[in-house]
PDB file of N, CA and C in Angstrom:
ATOM      1  N   MET A   1      -0.674 -34.790 -13.473  1.00  0.00           N
ATOM      2  CA  MET A   1      -1.233 -34.881 -12.715  1.00  0.00           C
ATOM      3  C   MET A   1      -0.267 -33.651 -11.287  1.00  0.00           C
ATOM      4  N   ASN A   2       0.847 -33.526 -11.465  1.00  0.00           N
ATOM      5  CA  ASN A   2       1.656 -32.611 -11.249  1.00  0.00           C
ATOM      6  C   ASN A   2       1.998 -31.581 -11.191  1.00  0.00           C
ATOM      7  N   GLY A   3       0.821 -31.059 -11.938  1.00  0.00           N
ATOM      8  CA  GLY A   3       1.185 -29.474 -12.641  1.00  0.00           C
ATOM      9  C   GLY A   3      -0.645 -28.680 -11.916  1.00  0.00           C
ATOM     10  N   LEU A   4      -1.581 -29.621 -11.602  1.00  0.00           N
ATOM     11  CA  LEU A   4      -2.235 -29.140 -11.201  1.00  0.00           C
ATOM     12  C   LEU A   4      -2.329 -29.053  -8.715  1.00  0.00           C
ATOM     13  N   ARG A   5      -1.315 -29.752  -8.670  1.00  0.00           N
ATOM     14  CA  ARG A   5      -0.903 -29.595  -7.227  1.00  0.00           C
ATOM     15  C   ARG A   5      -0.306 -28.383  -6.872  1.00  0.00           C
ATOM     16  N   ALA A   6       0.906 -27.729  -7.471  1.00  0.00           N
ATOM     17  CA  ALA A   6       1.716 -26.470  -7.520  1.00  0.00           C
ATOM     18  C   ALA A   6       0.752 -25.057  -7.774  1.00  0.00           C
ATOM     19  N   ASP A   7       1.498 -24.484  -6.688  1.00  0.00           N
ATOM     20  CA  ASP A   7       0.716 -23.201  -7.327  1.00  0.00           C
ATOM     21  C   ASP A   7       0.841 -22.323  -8.892  1.00  0.00           C
ATOM     22  N   GLY A   8      -0.326 -21.342  -7.951  1.00  0.00           N
ATOM     23  CA  GLY A   8       0.464 -20.323  -9.316  1.00  0.00           C
ATOM     24  C   GLY A   8       1.993 -19.572  -8.751  1.00  0.00           C
ATOM     25  N   ILE A   9       2.263 -18.897  -9.891  1.00  0.00           N
ATOM     26  CA  ILE A   9       3.265 -17.641 -10.893  1.00  0.00           C
ATOM     27  C   ILE A   9       2.279 -16.386  -9.875  1.00  0.00           C
ATOM     28  N   HIS A  10       3.874 -15.900  -9.211  1.00  0.00           N
ATOM     29  CA  HIS A  10       2.986 -14.671  -8.453  1.00  0.00           C
ATOM     30  C   HIS A  10       4.051 -13.389  -8.617  1.00  0.00           C
ATOM     31  N   ASN A  11       4.798 -13.661  -9.270  1.00  0.00           N
ATOM     32  CA  ASN A  11       5.778 -12.910 -10.471  1.00  0.00           C
ATOM     33  C   ASN A  11       5.468 -11.251 -10.751  1.00  0.00           C
ATOM     34  N   TRP A  12       6.581 -10.490 -10.141  1.00  0.00           N
ATOM     35  CA  TRP A  12       5.961  -9.080 -10.080  1.00  0.00           C
ATOM     36  C   TRP A  12       7.492  -8.288 -10.914  1.00  0.00           C
ATOM     37  N   ASP A  13       7.047  -8.187 -12.507  1.00  0.00           N
ATOM     38  CA  ASP A  13       8.272  -7.328 -12.710  1.00  0.00           C
ATOM     39  C   ASP A  13       8.174  -6.231 -13.114  1.00  0.00           C
ATOM     40  N   THR A  14       9.008  -5.639 -12.851  1.00  0.00           N
ATOM     41  CA  THR A  14       8.867  -4.238 -13.506  1.00  0.00           C
ATOM     42  C   THR A  14      10.547  -3.285 -14.025  1.00  0.00           C
ATOM     43  N   LYS A  15       9.569  -2.112 -14.411  1.00  0.00           N
ATOM     44  CA  LYS A  15      10.940  -1.709 -15.288  1.00  0.00           C
ATOM     45  C   LYS A  15       9.914  -0.181 -14.679  1.00  0.00           C
ATOM     46  N   ILE A  16      11.192   0.634 -14.027  1.00  0.00           N
ATOM     47  CA  ILE A  16      11.481   2.094 -13.550  1.00  0.00           C
ATOM     48  C   ILE A  16      12.636   2.890 -14.703  1.00  0.00           C
ATOM     49  N   TYR A  17      11.289   3.928 -15.311  1.00  0.00           N
ATOM     50  CA  TYR A  17      12.499   4.301 -16.342  1.00  0.00           C
ATOM     51  C   TYR A  17      12.387   5.752 -16.204  1.00  0.00           C
ATOM     52  N   ARG A  18      13.245   6.740 -16.802  1.00  0.00           N
ATOM     53  CA  ARG A  18      13.561   8.343 -16.551  1.00  0.00           C
ATOM     54  C   ARG A  18      14.247   8.405 -17.888  1.00  0.00           C
ATOM     55  N   ARG A  19      13.930   9.595 -18.617  1.00  0.00           N
ATOM     56  CA  ARG A  19      14.781  10.644 -19.285  1.00  0.00           C
ATOM     57  C   ARG A  19      14.968  11.628 -19.263  1.00  0.00           C
ATOM     58  N   PHE A  20      16.265  12.136 -19.004  1.00  0.00           N
ATOM     59  CA  PHE A  20      16.821  13.703 -18.610  1.00  0.00           C
ATOM     60  C   PHE A  20      17.584  13.877 -20.160  1.00  0.00           C
ATOM     61  N   THR A  21      16.885  14.908 -20.486  1.00  0.00           N
ATOM     62  CA  THR A  21      17.429  15.771 -21.544  1.00  0.00           C
ATOM     63  C   THR A  21      18.330  17.213 -21.316  1.00  0.00           C
ATOM     64  N   LEU A  22      19.920  16.766 -21.287  1.00  0.00           N
ATOM     65  CA  LEU A  22      21.163  18.007 -21.406  1.00  0.00           C
ATOM     66  C   LEU A  22      21.347  18.973 -21.959  1.00  0.00           C
ATOM     67  N   TYR A  23      21.297  18.363 -23.579  1.00  0.00           N
ATOM     68  CA  TYR A  23      21.541  19.698 -24.352  1.00  0.00           C
ATOM     69  C   TYR A  23      21.093  19.195 -25.482  1.00  0.00           C
ATOM     70  N   GLU A  24      19.587  19.885 -25.812  1.00  0.00           N
ATOM     71  CA  GLU A  24      18.810  19.951 -27.165  1.00  0.00           C
ATOM     72  C   GLU A  24      18.551  18.950 -27.551  1.00  0.00           C
ATOM     73  N   ARG A  25      19.024  18.243 -28.831  1.00  0.00           N
ATOM     74  CA  ARG A  25      19.694  16.770 -28.773  1.00  0.00           C
ATOM     75  C   ARG A  25      19.900  15.728 -28.123  1.00  0.00           C
ATOM     76  N   LEU A  26      20.906  16.009 -27.147  1.00  0.00           N
ATOM     77  CA  LEU A  26      21.665  14.988 -26.189  1.00  0.00           C
ATOM     78  C   LEU A  26      20.708  14.220 -24.639  1.00  0.00           C
ATOM     79  N   ASN A  27      20.380  13.600 -24.607  1.00  0.00           N
ATOM     80  CA  ASN A  27      19.422  12.525 -24.037  1.00  0.00           C
ATOM     81  C   ASN A  27      20.298  11.644 -22.669  1.00  0.00           C
ATOM     82  N   LEU A  28      20.035  11.508 -21.807  1.00  0.00           N
ATOM     83  CA  LEU A  28      20.412  10.372 -21.023  1.00  0.00           C
ATOM     84  C   LEU A  28      19.210  10.104 -20.486  1.00  0.00           C
ATOM     85  N   ASN A  29      19.485   8.260 -20.948  1.00  0.00           N
ATOM     86  CA  ASN A  29      18.300   7.755 -19.822  1.00  0.00           C
ATOM     87  C   ASN A  29      18.821   6.518 -19.097  1.00  0.00           C
ATOM     88  N   LEU A  30      17.883   6.488 -18.297  1.00  0.00           N
ATOM     89  CA  LEU A  30      17.660   5.886 -16.787  1.00  0.00           C
ATOM     90  C   LEU A  30      17.214   4.516 -16.762  1.00  0.00           C
ATOM     91  N   SER A  31      17.376   3.561 -16.123  1.00  0.00           N
ATOM     92  CA  SER A  31      16.283   2.874 -16.608  1.00  0.00           C
ATOM     93  C   SER A  31      16.623   1.460 -15.150  1.00  0.00           C
ATOM     94  N   ALA A  32      15.840   1.396 -14.494  1.00  0.00           N
ATOM     95  CA  ALA A  32      16.302  -0.220 -13.776  1.00  0.00           C
ATOM     96  C   ALA A  32      14.672  -0.856 -13.476  1.00  0.00           C
ATOM     97  N   ASP A  33      15.705  -2.031 -13.657  1.00  0.00           N
ATOM     98  CA  ASP A  33      14.383  -3.703 -13.871  1.00  0.00           C
ATOM     99  C   ASP A  33      14.325  -4.622 -12.796  1.00  0.00           C
ATOM    100  N   LEU A  34      13.392  -4.632 -12.401  1.00  0.00           N
ATOM    101  CA  LEU A  34      13.805  -5.680 -10.794  1.00  0.00           C
ATOM    102  C   LEU A  34      12.541  -6.941 -11.936  1.00  0.00           C
ATOM    103  N   MET A  35      12.975  -7.506 -11.334  1.00  0.00           N
ATOM    104  CA  MET A  35      12.214  -9.428 -11.750  1.00  0.00           C
ATOM    105  C   MET A  35      12.623  -9.474 -10.856  1.00  0.00           C
ATOM    106  N   ASN A  36      10.695 -10.300 -10.298  1.00  0.00           N
ATOM    107  CA  ASN A  36      10.953 -10.414  -9.711  1.00  0.00           C
ATOM    108  C   ASN A  36      10.854 -10.023  -8.106  1.00  0.00           C
ATOM    109  N   MET A  37       9.445  -8.689  -7.601  1.00  0.00           N
ATOM    110  CA  MET A  37      10.043  -7.629  -7.667  1.00  0.00           C
ATOM    111  C   MET A  37       9.875  -7.513  -5.898  1.00  0.00           C
ATOM    112  N   THR A  38       8.754  -8.274  -5.639  1.00  0.00           N
ATOM    113  CA  THR A  38       8.304  -8.589  -4.416  1.00  0.00           C
ATOM    114  C   THR A  38       9.263  -9.830  -3.421  1.00  0.00           C
ATOM    115  N   ASN A  39      10.328 -10.057  -4.507  1.00  0.00           N
ATOM    116  CA  ASN A  39      11.336 -11.937  -4.431  1.00  0.00           C
ATOM    117  C   ASN A  39      10.505 -12.540  -3.015  1.00  0.00           C
ATOM    118  N   HIS A  40       8.847 -12.707  -3.635  1.00  0.00           N
ATOM    119  CA  HIS A  40       7.627 -14.687  -3.318  1.00  0.00           C
ATOM    120  C   HIS A  40       8.669 -15.408  -3.475  1.00  0.00           C
ATOM    121  N   THR A  41       9.210 -16.179  -3.224  1.00  0.00           N
ATOM    122  CA  THR A  41       9.465 -17.658  -3.232  1.00  0.00           C
ATOM    123  C   THR A  41       8.800 -18.392  -4.123  1.00  0.00           C
ATOM    124  N   GLN A  42       8.299 -19.088  -5.385  1.00  0.00           N
ATOM    125  CA  GLN A  42       7.661 -20.244  -6.129  1.00  0.00           C
ATOM    126  C   GLN A  42       7.586 -21.645  -5.759  1.00  0.00           C
ATOM    127  N   PHE A  43       7.717 -21.621  -4.578  1.00  0.00           N
ATOM    128  CA  PHE A  43       7.954 -23.469  -4.545  1.00  0.00           C
ATOM    129  C   PHE A  43       7.472 -24.483  -5.705  1.00  0.00           C
ATOM    130  N   GLY A  44       8.434 -25.375  -5.782  1.00  0.00           N
ATOM    131  CA  GLY A  44       8.011 -26.780  -6.559  1.00  0.00           C
ATOM    132  C   GLY A  44       7.243 -27.075  -6.615  1.00  0.00           C
ATOM    133  N   ASN A  45       6.506 -28.260  -7.212  1.00  0.00           N
ATOM    134  CA  ASN A  45       5.794 -29.650  -7.142  1.00  0.00           C
ATOM    135  C   ASN A  45       6.042 -30.015  -6.122  1.00  0.00           C
ATOM    136  N   PRO A  46       4.448 -30.461  -4.497  1.00  0.00           N
ATOM    137  CA  PRO A  46       4.989 -31.992  -3.869  1.00  0.00           C
ATOM    138  C   PRO A  46       5.416 -32.872  -4.263  1.00  0.00           C
ATOM    139  N   VAL A  47       6.693 -33.845  -3.368  1.00  0.00           N
ATOM    140  CA  VAL A  47       6.305 -34.804  -3.387  1.00  0.00           C
ATOM    141  C   VAL A  47       5.427 -35.699  -3.382  1.00  0.00           C
ATOM    142  N   SER A  48       5.031 -36.200  -4.787  1.00  0.00           N
ATOM    143  CA  SER A  48       3.475 -37.220  -4.551  1.00  0.00           C
ATOM    144  C   SER A  48       4.141 -39.168  -4.413  1.00  0.00           C
ATOM    145  N   LYS A  49       5.268 -39.234  -4.479  1.00  0.00           N
ATOM    146  CA  LYS A  49       5.519 -40.550  -4.409  1.00  0.00           C
ATOM    147  C   LYS A  49       5.601 -41.047  -2.640  1.00  0.00           C
ATOM    148  N   PRO A  50       4.117 -41.623  -2.521  1.00  0.00           N
ATOM    149  CA  PRO A  50       3.342 -42.298  -1.683  1.00  0.00           C
ATOM    150  C   PRO A  50       4.117 -43.010  -0.565  1.00  0.00           C
ATOM    151  N   THR A  51       5.181 -43.256  -1.080  1.00  0.00           N
ATOM    152  CA  THR A  51       6.500 -44.052   0.139  1.00  0.00           C
ATOM    153  C   THR A  51       8.075 -43.148   0.499  1.00  0.00           C
ATOM    154  N   ALA A  52       7.858 -42.006  -0.303  1.00  0.00           N
ATOM    155  CA  ALA A  52       9.094 -41.375   0.319  1.00  0.00           C
ATOM    156  C   ALA A  52       9.280 -40.935   0.891  1.00  0.00           C
ATOM    157  N   ALA A  53      10.375 -40.940   2.007  1.00  0.00           N
ATOM    158  CA  ALA A  53      10.229 -40.385   3.413  1.00  0.00           C
ATOM    159  C   ALA A  53       9.395 -38.694   3.222  1.00  0.00           C
ATOM    160  N   ASN A  54       9.698 -37.627   2.445  1.00  0.00           N
ATOM    161  CA  ASN A  54       9.171 -36.667   2.436  1.00  0.00           C
ATOM    162  C   ASN A  54       8.156 -35.968   1.617  1.00  0.00           C
ATOM    163  N   PHE A  55       7.346 -37.095   2.034  1.00  0.00           N
ATOM    164  CA  PHE A  55       6.094 -36.900   0.938  1.00  0.00           C
ATOM    165  C   PHE A  55       5.412 -35.959   1.186  1.00  0.00           C
ATOM    166  N   GLY A  56       4.462 -35.392  -0.018  1.00  0.00           N
ATOM    167  CA  GLY A  56       3.950 -33.625   0.473  1.00  0.00           C
ATOM    168  C   GLY A  56       4.473 -32.445   0.924  1.00  0.00           C
ATOM    169  N   GLN A  57       5.790 -33.118   1.146  1.00  0.00           N
ATOM    170  CA  GLN A  57       6.912 -31.938   1.053  1.00  0.00           C
ATOM    171  C   GLN A  57       6.966 -31.080  -0.157  1.00  0.00           C
ATOM    172  N   GLY A  58       7.031 -29.499  -0.435  1.00  0.00           N
ATOM    173  CA  GLY A  58       8.269 -28.917  -1.520  1.00  0.00           C
ATOM    174  C   GLY A  58       8.975 -28.509  -1.426  1.00  0.00           C
ATOM    175  N   THR A  59      10.268 -29.644  -1.952  1.00  0.00           N
ATOM    176  CA  THR A  59      11.511 -30.105  -1.992  1.00  0.00           C
ATOM    177  C   THR A  59      11.594 -29.002  -2.843  1.00  0.00           C
ATOM    178  N   SER A  60      11.602 -28.068  -3.737  1.00  0.00           N
ATOM    179  CA  SER A  60      12.965 -26.774  -5.393  1.00  0.00           C
ATOM    180  C   SER A  60      12.119 -26.019  -5.027  1.00  0.00           C
ATOM    181  N   GLN A  61      12.436 -24.807  -5.658  1.00  0.00           N
ATOM    182  CA  GLN A  61      12.194 -24.024  -5.935  1.00  0.00           C
ATOM    183  C   GLN A  61      11.895 -23.378  -7.894  1.00  0.00           C
ATOM    184  N   TYR A  62      10.640 -23.044  -8.194  1.00  0.00           N
ATOM    185  CA  TYR A  62      10.417 -23.467  -9.149  1.00  0.00           C
ATOM    186  C   TYR A  62      11.530 -21.591 -10.378  1.00  0.00           C
ATOM    187  N   ASN A  63      11.289 -19.992  -9.203  1.00  0.00           N
ATOM    188  CA  ASN A  63      11.590 -18.958  -9.639  1.00  0.00           C
ATOM    189  C   ASN A  63      13.391 -18.749  -9.535  1.00  0.00           C
ATOM    190  N   ALA A  64      13.624 -17.531  -9.890  1.00  0.00           N
ATOM    191  CA  ALA A  64      14.615 -17.040  -9.124  1.00  0.00           C
ATOM    192  C   ALA A  64      14.722 -16.541  -8.128  1.00  0.00           C
ATOM    193  N   PRO A  65      16.232 -15.946  -7.166  1.00  0.00           N
ATOM    194  CA  PRO A  65      15.975 -15.060  -6.301  1.00  0.00           C
ATOM    195  C   PRO A  65      15.686 -13.122  -7.207  1.00  0.00           C
ATOM    196  N   ARG A  66      14.942 -12.290  -6.020  1.00  0.00           N
ATOM    197  CA  ARG A  66      14.932 -10.689  -6.931  1.00  0.00           C
ATOM    198  C   ARG A  66      16.043 -10.922  -7.204  1.00  0.00           C
ATOM    199  N   GLN A  67      16.627  -9.526  -8.716  1.00  0.00           N
ATOM    200  CA  GLN A  67      17.130  -9.401  -9.526  1.00  0.00           C
ATOM    201  C   GLN A  67      17.225  -8.118 -10.102  1.00  0.00           C
ATOM    202  N   ILE A  68      18.031  -7.833 -10.136  1.00  0.00           N
ATOM    203  CA  ILE A  68      17.802  -5.401 -10.201  1.00  0.00           C
ATOM    204  C   ILE A  68      19.147  -5.074 -11.425  1.00  0.00           C
ATOM    205  N   GLN A  69      18.581  -5.122 -12.539  1.00  0.00           N
ATOM    206  CA  GLN A  69      19.902  -4.751 -13.101  1.00  0.00           C
ATOM    207  C   GLN A  69      19.323  -2.748 -14.027  1.00  0.00           C
ATOM    208  N   LEU A  70      20.030  -2.161 -13.539  1.00  0.00           N
ATOM    209  CA  LEU A  70      20.443  -0.638 -13.854  1.00  0.00           C
ATOM    210  C   LEU A  70      20.812  -0.461 -15.214  1.00  0.00           C
ATOM    211  N   ASN A  71      20.425   0.029 -16.017  1.00  0.00           N
ATOM    212  CA  ASN A  71      20.628   0.122 -17.412  1.00  0.00           C
ATOM    213  C   ASN A  71      20.683   2.009 -17.548  1.00  0.00           C
ATOM    214  N   MET A  72      22.346   2.830 -18.173  1.00  0.00           N
ATOM    215  CA  MET A  72      21.697   4.481 -18.359  1.00  0.00           C
ATOM    216  C   MET A  72      22.323   4.009 -19.933  1.00  0.00           C
ATOM    217  N   ARG A  73      21.923   5.244 -21.068  1.00  0.00           N
ATOM    218  CA  ARG A  73      21.777   5.365 -22.733  1.00  0.00           C
ATOM    219  C   ARG A  73      21.725   6.611 -22.462  1.00  0.00           C
ATOM    220  N   ILE A  74      23.435   6.947 -22.891  1.00  0.00           N
ATOM    221  CA  ILE A  74      23.594   8.097 -23.269  1.00  0.00           C
ATOM    222  C   ILE A  74      22.903   8.338 -25.520  1.00  0.00           C
ATOM    223  N   GLU A  75      22.325   9.335 -25.320  1.00  0.00           N
ATOM    224  CA  GLU A  75      21.364   9.705 -26.735  1.00  0.00           C
ATOM    225  C   GLU A  75      22.152  10.881 -27.375  1.00  0.00           C
ATOM    226  N   PHE A  76      22.656  11.029 -28.526  1.00  0.00           N
ATOM    227  CA  PHE A  76      23.046  12.197 -28.889  1.00  0.00           C
ATOM    228  C   PHE A  76      22.395  11.877 -31.019  1.00  0.00           C
TER     229      PHE A  76
END
């Protein structure tokens, strides 16, 4: 029943990729991975125990904050 009261998931995971040719068969690949790009907070299910002092409040977070990963690769 708790799963019906939770919000939907709104994470945007993105990858930006660029390839550069340095010399004939020597390539440089640069990329950036952005997990939860918009940094949107995904709250957990509200407390559903009627006798709890925090009844109806969301007291947890499901997703992680924004994470950025930079990658560089040289191919020859």
